[in-house]
Amino acid sequence: MEEGIRVEQKRARRRRAGKTGKRYTLQERLRAVRLHLQEGYPAKLVCEEVGMSTHAFWYWVKVYRQRGEAGSFEMMANPCSLA
């Protein structure tokens, strides 16, 4: 019986994984990207300082490089528009 409860708890944790991440404001994202691109800080250090995953960080670097700051504002309204 106890084993069934543990299995169900593990499944519940897996379902929640990735859904509980912190939401970053546009200003926080731009600050992180600028620290890396303009100030030269290593990506890993920026991510640790901000508390952001490296995956999210590199995604926002990609968006910034493709669309610039103005395009980043557009992404806040429609995050799925990046092709």
N, C-alpha and C. Protein backbone atom coordinates (compact mmCIF):
# COMPACT_ATOMS: atom_id res chain seq x y z
N MET A 1 0.82 -1.20 0.00
CA MET A 1 0.00 0.00 0.00
C MET A 1 0.86 1.25 0.00
N GLU A 2 1.88 1.25 0.83
CA GLU A 2 2.76 2.40 0.93
C GLU A 2 3.48 2.65 -0.39
N GLU A 3 3.81 1.57 -1.09
CA GLU A 3 4.50 1.68 -2.37
C GLU A 3 3.63 2.40 -3.40
N GLY A 4 2.35 2.12 -3.41
CA GLY A 4 1.43 2.77 -4.34
C GLY A 4 1.35 4.26 -4.10
N ILE A 5 1.40 4.66 -2.85
CA ILE A 5 1.37 6.09 -2.50
C ILE A 5 2.63 6.78 -3.00
N ARG A 6 3.78 6.13 -2.80
CA ARG A 6 5.04 6.72 -3.26
C ARG A 6 5.07 6.89 -4.77
N VAL A 7 4.60 5.87 -5.47
CA VAL A 7 4.57 5.94 -6.93
C VAL A 7 3.69 7.09 -7.38
N GLU A 8 2.54 7.24 -6.76
CA GLU A 8 1.62 8.32 -7.13
C GLU A 8 2.23 9.69 -6.81
N GLN A 9 2.96 9.80 -5.71
CA GLN A 9 3.61 11.06 -5.36
C GLN A 9 4.68 11.41 -6.41
N LYS A 10 5.44 10.42 -6.86
CA LYS A 10 6.45 10.67 -7.89
C LYS A 10 5.80 11.12 -9.20
N ARG A 11 4.70 10.49 -9.56
CA ARG A 11 4.00 10.88 -10.78
C ARG A 11 3.48 12.32 -10.67
N ALA A 12 2.97 12.67 -9.51
CA ALA A 12 2.45 14.02 -9.31
C ALA A 12 3.58 15.04 -9.44
N ARG A 13 4.75 14.73 -8.89
CA ARG A 13 5.89 15.64 -8.99
C ARG A 13 6.31 15.83 -10.43
N ARG A 14 6.31 14.74 -11.21
CA ARG A 14 6.69 14.84 -12.62
C ARG A 14 5.71 15.70 -13.40
N ARG A 15 4.43 15.58 -13.09
CA ARG A 15 3.42 16.38 -13.78
C ARG A 15 3.61 17.86 -13.49
N ARG A 16 4.02 18.18 -12.27
CA ARG A 16 4.20 19.58 -11.89
C ARG A 16 5.53 20.14 -12.38
N ALA A 17 6.48 19.29 -12.68
CA ALA A 17 7.82 19.74 -13.08
C ALA A 17 7.71 20.64 -14.30
N GLY A 18 8.41 21.77 -14.26
CA GLY A 18 8.40 22.71 -15.37
C GLY A 18 7.24 23.67 -15.35
N LYS A 19 6.24 23.43 -14.56
CA LYS A 19 5.06 24.29 -14.50
C LYS A 19 5.15 25.29 -13.35
N THR A 20 6.12 25.10 -12.50
CA THR A 20 6.20 25.94 -11.31
C THR A 20 7.34 26.96 -11.38
N GLY A 21 7.94 27.12 -12.57
CA GLY A 21 9.06 28.03 -12.72
C GLY A 21 8.67 29.48 -12.49
N LYS A 22 9.67 30.27 -12.12
CA LYS A 22 9.45 31.69 -11.87
C LYS A 22 9.19 32.40 -13.19
N ARG A 23 8.30 33.35 -13.16
CA ARG A 23 8.03 34.20 -14.32
C ARG A 23 8.89 35.45 -14.19
N TYR A 24 9.59 35.79 -15.24
CA TYR A 24 10.47 36.96 -15.22
C TYR A 24 9.84 38.09 -16.02
N THR A 25 9.97 39.29 -15.48
CA THR A 25 9.46 40.45 -16.20
C THR A 25 10.37 40.74 -17.38
N LEU A 26 9.89 41.54 -18.30
CA LEU A 26 10.70 41.91 -19.45
C LEU A 26 11.99 42.61 -19.00
N GLN A 27 11.89 43.46 -18.00
CA GLN A 27 13.06 44.18 -17.52
C GLN A 27 14.11 43.22 -16.96
N GLU A 28 13.67 42.19 -16.25
CA GLU A 28 14.60 41.20 -15.70
C GLU A 28 15.29 40.42 -16.83
N ARG A 29 14.53 40.08 -17.83
CA ARG A 29 15.09 39.33 -18.96
C ARG A 29 16.10 40.17 -19.72
N LEU A 30 15.72 41.42 -20.00
CA LEU A 30 16.63 42.32 -20.73
C LEU A 30 17.90 42.58 -19.93
N ARG A 31 17.77 42.74 -18.64
CA ARG A 31 18.93 42.97 -17.79
C ARG A 31 19.90 41.79 -17.88
N ALA A 32 19.36 40.58 -17.80
CA ALA A 32 20.20 39.38 -17.88
C ALA A 32 20.90 39.29 -19.23
N VAL A 33 20.16 39.53 -20.29
CA VAL A 33 20.74 39.44 -21.64
C VAL A 33 21.81 40.51 -21.82
N ARG A 34 21.54 41.72 -21.37
CA ARG A 34 22.52 42.82 -21.50
C ARG A 34 23.78 42.55 -20.68
N LEU A 35 23.61 41.98 -19.48
CA LEU A 35 24.79 41.66 -18.67
C LEU A 35 25.73 40.73 -19.44
N HIS A 36 25.16 39.82 -20.18
CA HIS A 36 25.98 38.89 -20.94
C HIS A 36 26.51 39.51 -22.23
N LEU A 37 25.64 40.08 -23.04
CA LEU A 37 26.05 40.57 -24.35
C LEU A 37 26.82 41.88 -24.31
N GLN A 38 26.42 42.81 -23.47
CA GLN A 38 27.05 44.13 -23.47
C GLN A 38 28.15 44.26 -22.41
N GLU A 39 27.95 43.64 -21.27
CA GLU A 39 28.93 43.76 -20.19
C GLU A 39 29.97 42.64 -20.19
N GLY A 40 29.65 41.55 -20.90
CA GLY A 40 30.61 40.47 -21.04
C GLY A 40 30.63 39.45 -19.92
N TYR A 41 29.63 39.45 -19.07
CA TYR A 41 29.59 38.46 -17.99
C TYR A 41 29.29 37.08 -18.56
N PRO A 42 29.90 36.02 -18.02
CA PRO A 42 29.61 34.67 -18.49
C PRO A 42 28.14 34.30 -18.27
N ALA A 43 27.58 33.57 -19.20
CA ALA A 43 26.16 33.19 -19.14
C ALA A 43 25.84 32.44 -17.85
N LYS A 44 26.71 31.53 -17.46
CA LYS A 44 26.47 30.74 -16.25
C LYS A 44 26.38 31.63 -15.01
N LEU A 45 27.25 32.61 -14.93
CA LEU A 45 27.24 33.54 -13.79
C LEU A 45 25.97 34.37 -13.78
N VAL A 46 25.55 34.85 -14.94
CA VAL A 46 24.32 35.65 -15.03
C VAL A 46 23.13 34.81 -14.58
N CYS A 47 23.06 33.58 -15.06
CA CYS A 47 21.93 32.70 -14.71
C CYS A 47 21.89 32.43 -13.21
N GLU A 48 23.05 32.19 -12.61
CA GLU A 48 23.10 31.95 -11.17
C GLU A 48 22.66 33.19 -10.40
N GLU A 49 23.12 34.34 -10.84
CA GLU A 49 22.80 35.59 -10.15
C GLU A 49 21.31 35.91 -10.22
N VAL A 50 20.73 35.71 -11.40
CA VAL A 50 19.33 36.05 -11.60
C VAL A 50 18.41 34.92 -11.10
N GLY A 51 18.93 33.70 -11.08
CA GLY A 51 18.12 32.56 -10.67
C GLY A 51 17.35 31.97 -11.84
N MET A 52 17.88 32.14 -13.02
CA MET A 52 17.22 31.72 -14.25
C MET A 52 17.91 30.46 -14.77
N SER A 53 17.15 29.58 -15.40
CA SER A 53 17.76 28.40 -16.01
C SER A 53 18.54 28.83 -17.24
N THR A 54 19.55 28.06 -17.57
CA THR A 54 20.34 28.40 -18.75
C THR A 54 19.51 28.25 -20.02
N HIS A 55 18.58 27.30 -20.02
CA HIS A 55 17.71 27.12 -21.19
C HIS A 55 16.89 28.39 -21.45
N ALA A 56 16.26 28.92 -20.41
CA ALA A 56 15.47 30.15 -20.54
C ALA A 56 16.37 31.32 -20.96
N PHE A 57 17.55 31.40 -20.37
CA PHE A 57 18.46 32.49 -20.68
C PHE A 57 18.85 32.48 -22.17
N TRP A 58 19.25 31.33 -22.68
CA TRP A 58 19.68 31.26 -24.08
C TRP A 58 18.53 31.50 -25.03
N TYR A 59 17.32 31.13 -24.63
CA TYR A 59 16.14 31.44 -25.44
C TYR A 59 15.98 32.95 -25.56
N TRP A 60 16.12 33.67 -24.44
CA TRP A 60 15.95 35.12 -24.49
C TRP A 60 17.09 35.82 -25.19
N VAL A 61 18.29 35.24 -25.14
CA VAL A 61 19.39 35.79 -25.94
C VAL A 61 19.06 35.65 -27.42
N LYS A 62 18.53 34.51 -27.81
CA LYS A 62 18.13 34.26 -29.20
C LYS A 62 17.08 35.27 -29.66
N VAL A 63 16.07 35.48 -28.83
CA VAL A 63 15.01 36.43 -29.16
C VAL A 63 15.59 37.84 -29.29
N TYR A 64 16.44 38.22 -28.36
CA TYR A 64 17.04 39.55 -28.37
C TYR A 64 17.88 39.76 -29.64
N ARG A 65 18.66 38.74 -30.01
CA ARG A 65 19.50 38.87 -31.20
C ARG A 65 18.66 38.93 -32.48
N GLN A 66 17.57 38.19 -32.51
CA GLN A 66 16.75 38.17 -33.72
C GLN A 66 15.89 39.42 -33.86
N ARG A 67 15.36 39.90 -32.76
CA ARG A 67 14.37 40.97 -32.83
C ARG A 67 14.77 42.26 -32.14
N GLY A 68 15.81 42.22 -31.37
CA GLY A 68 16.22 43.42 -30.63
C GLY A 68 15.29 43.70 -29.47
N GLU A 69 15.49 44.83 -28.84
CA GLU A 69 14.70 45.17 -27.67
C GLU A 69 13.23 45.38 -28.02
N ALA A 70 12.95 46.03 -29.13
CA ALA A 70 11.56 46.26 -29.54
C ALA A 70 10.84 44.95 -29.78
N GLY A 71 11.53 43.98 -30.38
CA GLY A 71 10.93 42.67 -30.60
C GLY A 71 10.68 41.93 -29.32
N SER A 72 11.51 42.20 -28.30
CA SER A 72 11.32 41.57 -27.00
C SER A 72 10.02 42.02 -26.36
N PHE A 73 9.64 43.28 -26.58
CA PHE A 73 8.37 43.76 -26.05
C PHE A 73 7.22 43.01 -26.70
N GLU A 74 7.33 42.76 -27.99
CA GLU A 74 6.30 42.03 -28.70
C GLU A 74 6.18 40.60 -28.15
N MET A 75 7.30 40.00 -27.80
CA MET A 75 7.30 38.63 -27.28
C MET A 75 6.50 38.50 -25.99
N MET A 76 6.47 39.56 -25.20
CA MET A 76 5.70 39.50 -23.95
C MET A 76 4.22 39.27 -24.26
N ALA A 77 3.74 39.85 -25.35
CA ALA A 77 2.33 39.71 -25.70
C ALA A 77 2.06 38.38 -26.41
N ASN A 78 3.04 37.89 -27.18
CA ASN A 78 2.81 36.68 -27.96
C ASN A 78 4.08 35.82 -27.98
N PRO A 79 4.33 35.05 -26.91
CA PRO A 79 5.58 34.28 -26.81
C PRO A 79 5.70 33.16 -27.84
N CYS A 80 4.62 32.77 -28.49
CA CYS A 80 4.68 31.67 -29.46
C CYS A 80 4.99 32.15 -30.87
N SER A 81 5.22 33.43 -31.06
CA SER A 81 5.40 33.96 -32.41
C SER A 81 6.82 33.78 -32.93
N LEU A 82 7.75 33.30 -32.13
CA LEU A 82 9.12 33.10 -32.59
C LEU A 82 9.20 31.83 -33.42
N ALA A 83 9.65 31.96 -34.63
CA ALA A 83 9.73 30.78 -35.51
C ALA A 83 11.14 30.28 -35.61
